[in-house]
Amino acid sequence: MLCGDDMKKFKIPVVPPTTNKCIRFPNNIISDVENAIRGKDCTFTAFVVEAVKVALENLKDEETHNN
């Protein structure tokens, strides 16, 4: 048990602003994502957002290494 100064202070989380975008996925990609997240605490949207973040980071890394 944490006491005194060792206790973490609770902060109300800030939810980033979002915009709804409608995109079409090939059926096989939908199936693959649904299979990957089955039984896990993850939504289709969360999976796609994380995948896009990683792809963007990879692109930035490639640009840095190519310049």
N, C-alpha and C. Protein backbone atom coordinates (compact mmCIF):
# COMPACT_ATOMS: atom_id res chain seq x y z
N MET A 1 0.84 -1.17 0.00
CA MET A 1 0.00 0.00 0.00
C MET A 1 0.88 1.24 0.00
N LEU A 2 0.52 2.23 -0.81
CA LEU A 2 1.28 3.47 -0.89
C LEU A 2 0.72 4.47 0.11
N CYS A 3 1.62 5.18 0.76
CA CYS A 3 1.20 6.16 1.74
C CYS A 3 1.94 7.46 1.53
N GLY A 4 1.36 8.55 2.00
CA GLY A 4 2.04 9.84 1.99
C GLY A 4 2.49 10.28 0.62
N ASP A 5 3.77 10.68 0.51
CA ASP A 5 4.31 11.23 -0.74
C ASP A 5 4.45 10.17 -1.83
N ASP A 6 4.41 8.88 -1.47
CA ASP A 6 4.56 7.82 -2.45
C ASP A 6 3.28 7.59 -3.26
N MET A 7 2.16 8.16 -2.83
CA MET A 7 0.90 7.94 -3.53
C MET A 7 0.87 8.73 -4.83
N LYS A 8 0.41 8.08 -5.87
CA LYS A 8 0.23 8.78 -7.14
C LYS A 8 -1.01 9.64 -7.04
N LYS A 9 -0.96 10.78 -7.64
CA LYS A 9 -2.11 11.68 -7.67
C LYS A 9 -2.98 11.30 -8.86
N PHE A 10 -4.27 11.24 -8.61
CA PHE A 10 -5.20 10.93 -9.69
C PHE A 10 -5.36 12.15 -10.58
N LYS A 11 -5.26 11.92 -11.88
CA LYS A 11 -5.49 12.98 -12.86
C LYS A 11 -6.61 12.53 -13.77
N ILE A 12 -7.55 13.39 -14.01
CA ILE A 12 -8.64 13.06 -14.93
C ILE A 12 -8.04 12.99 -16.33
N PRO A 13 -8.22 11.85 -17.03
CA PRO A 13 -7.61 11.71 -18.36
C PRO A 13 -8.26 12.66 -19.36
N VAL A 14 -7.45 13.11 -20.29
CA VAL A 14 -7.94 13.97 -21.36
C VAL A 14 -8.12 13.11 -22.60
N VAL A 15 -9.33 13.12 -23.12
CA VAL A 15 -9.61 12.37 -24.34
C VAL A 15 -9.29 13.27 -25.52
N PRO A 16 -8.41 12.80 -26.42
CA PRO A 16 -8.06 13.66 -27.56
C PRO A 16 -9.28 13.85 -28.45
N PRO A 17 -9.34 15.00 -29.12
CA PRO A 17 -10.46 15.21 -30.04
C PRO A 17 -10.39 14.19 -31.18
N THR A 18 -11.54 13.78 -31.64
CA THR A 18 -11.59 12.79 -32.72
C THR A 18 -12.54 13.27 -33.81
N THR A 19 -12.35 12.71 -34.98
CA THR A 19 -13.22 12.97 -36.11
C THR A 19 -13.61 11.64 -36.72
N ASN A 20 -14.87 11.47 -37.00
CA ASN A 20 -15.34 10.24 -37.60
C ASN A 20 -14.99 10.23 -39.08
N LYS A 21 -14.29 9.18 -39.53
CA LYS A 21 -13.96 9.01 -40.94
C LYS A 21 -14.49 7.65 -41.38
N CYS A 22 -15.14 7.63 -42.49
CA CYS A 22 -15.66 6.37 -43.02
C CYS A 22 -14.70 5.88 -44.09
N ILE A 23 -14.12 4.71 -43.87
CA ILE A 23 -13.21 4.13 -44.87
C ILE A 23 -13.65 2.71 -45.17
N ARG A 24 -13.31 2.25 -46.34
CA ARG A 24 -13.66 0.88 -46.74
C ARG A 24 -12.41 0.01 -46.63
N PHE A 25 -12.60 -1.15 -46.04
CA PHE A 25 -11.53 -2.13 -45.92
C PHE A 25 -11.89 -3.34 -46.77
N PRO A 26 -10.91 -3.97 -47.40
CA PRO A 26 -11.19 -5.25 -48.05
C PRO A 26 -11.66 -6.25 -46.98
N ASN A 27 -12.58 -7.11 -47.35
CA ASN A 27 -13.16 -8.07 -46.39
C ASN A 27 -12.11 -8.93 -45.72
N ASN A 28 -11.07 -9.32 -46.47
CA ASN A 28 -10.05 -10.17 -45.87
C ASN A 28 -9.25 -9.43 -44.79
N ILE A 29 -9.05 -8.11 -44.95
CA ILE A 29 -8.35 -7.33 -43.92
C ILE A 29 -9.22 -7.25 -42.66
N ILE A 30 -10.51 -7.03 -42.85
CA ILE A 30 -11.43 -6.98 -41.70
C ILE A 30 -11.36 -8.29 -40.94
N SER A 31 -11.42 -9.40 -41.66
CA SER A 31 -11.35 -10.72 -41.01
C SER A 31 -10.04 -10.91 -40.27
N ASP A 32 -8.94 -10.51 -40.90
CA ASP A 32 -7.62 -10.67 -40.26
C ASP A 32 -7.52 -9.84 -38.98
N VAL A 33 -8.01 -8.60 -39.02
CA VAL A 33 -7.97 -7.75 -37.82
C VAL A 33 -8.86 -8.33 -36.74
N GLU A 34 -10.08 -8.73 -37.10
CA GLU A 34 -11.00 -9.30 -36.11
C GLU A 34 -10.41 -10.56 -35.48
N ASN A 35 -9.73 -11.38 -36.27
CA ASN A 35 -9.07 -12.58 -35.72
C ASN A 35 -7.93 -12.19 -34.78
N ALA A 36 -7.18 -11.15 -35.14
CA ALA A 36 -6.05 -10.73 -34.32
C ALA A 36 -6.49 -10.19 -32.96
N ILE A 37 -7.65 -9.54 -32.91
CA ILE A 37 -8.09 -8.92 -31.65
C ILE A 37 -9.07 -9.79 -30.86
N ARG A 38 -9.49 -10.90 -31.45
CA ARG A 38 -10.44 -11.78 -30.76
C ARG A 38 -9.89 -12.21 -29.40
N GLY A 39 -10.70 -12.03 -28.36
CA GLY A 39 -10.30 -12.44 -27.01
C GLY A 39 -9.40 -11.44 -26.31
N LYS A 40 -9.13 -10.32 -26.96
CA LYS A 40 -8.27 -9.30 -26.37
C LYS A 40 -9.10 -8.07 -26.07
N ASP A 41 -8.62 -7.25 -25.16
CA ASP A 41 -9.32 -6.02 -24.80
C ASP A 41 -8.94 -4.92 -25.79
N CYS A 42 -9.42 -5.08 -27.03
CA CYS A 42 -9.07 -4.15 -28.10
C CYS A 42 -10.24 -4.06 -29.07
N THR A 43 -10.49 -2.86 -29.56
CA THR A 43 -11.52 -2.67 -30.57
C THR A 43 -10.88 -2.59 -31.95
N PHE A 44 -11.70 -2.76 -32.96
CA PHE A 44 -11.22 -2.63 -34.34
C PHE A 44 -10.61 -1.25 -34.54
N THR A 45 -11.31 -0.23 -34.06
CA THR A 45 -10.83 1.14 -34.21
C THR A 45 -9.49 1.34 -33.52
N ALA A 46 -9.35 0.86 -32.28
CA ALA A 46 -8.09 1.03 -31.55
C ALA A 46 -6.95 0.34 -32.30
N PHE A 47 -7.21 -0.83 -32.85
CA PHE A 47 -6.20 -1.56 -33.60
C PHE A 47 -5.75 -0.75 -34.82
N VAL A 48 -6.72 -0.23 -35.57
CA VAL A 48 -6.41 0.53 -36.79
C VAL A 48 -5.66 1.81 -36.44
N VAL A 49 -6.09 2.52 -35.40
CA VAL A 49 -5.41 3.76 -35.01
C VAL A 49 -3.96 3.47 -34.64
N GLU A 50 -3.73 2.42 -33.86
CA GLU A 50 -2.36 2.07 -33.47
C GLU A 50 -1.53 1.70 -34.70
N ALA A 51 -2.12 0.94 -35.62
CA ALA A 51 -1.40 0.55 -36.84
C ALA A 51 -1.01 1.77 -37.66
N VAL A 52 -1.91 2.74 -37.76
CA VAL A 52 -1.62 3.96 -38.53
C VAL A 52 -0.53 4.77 -37.83
N LYS A 53 -0.58 4.86 -36.50
CA LYS A 53 0.48 5.57 -35.77
C LYS A 53 1.84 4.96 -36.04
N VAL A 54 1.93 3.63 -35.98
CA VAL A 54 3.20 2.94 -36.23
C VAL A 54 3.65 3.16 -37.66
N ALA A 55 2.73 3.10 -38.61
CA ALA A 55 3.09 3.33 -40.02
C ALA A 55 3.63 4.74 -40.21
N LEU A 56 3.00 5.74 -39.59
CA LEU A 56 3.47 7.12 -39.71
C LEU A 56 4.85 7.30 -39.08
N GLU A 57 5.08 6.66 -37.92
CA GLU A 57 6.41 6.72 -37.29
C GLU A 57 7.46 6.09 -38.20
N ASN A 58 7.12 4.97 -38.82
CA ASN A 58 8.05 4.30 -39.73
C ASN A 58 8.39 5.19 -40.92
N LEU A 59 7.38 5.87 -41.45
CA LEU A 59 7.63 6.78 -42.57
C LEU A 59 8.54 7.94 -42.17
N LYS A 60 8.33 8.48 -40.98
CA LYS A 60 9.19 9.57 -40.48
C LYS A 60 10.62 9.08 -40.32
N ASP A 61 10.77 7.87 -39.77
CA ASP A 61 12.11 7.28 -39.59
C ASP A 61 12.80 7.09 -40.94
N GLU A 62 12.06 6.62 -41.94
CA GLU A 62 12.63 6.42 -43.27
C GLU A 62 13.07 7.75 -43.86
N GLU A 63 12.24 8.79 -43.70
CA GLU A 63 12.60 10.11 -44.22
C GLU A 63 13.87 10.64 -43.57
N THR A 64 13.98 10.43 -42.25
CA THR A 64 15.16 10.90 -41.51
C THR A 64 16.41 10.18 -41.99
N HIS A 65 16.31 8.88 -42.22
CA HIS A 65 17.47 8.10 -42.64
C HIS A 65 17.83 8.32 -44.10
N ASN A 66 16.87 8.76 -44.91
CA ASN A 66 17.12 8.99 -46.34
C ASN A 66 17.58 10.40 -46.64
N ASN A 67 17.54 11.29 -45.67
CA ASN A 67 17.96 12.68 -45.90
C ASN A 67 19.33 12.96 -45.36
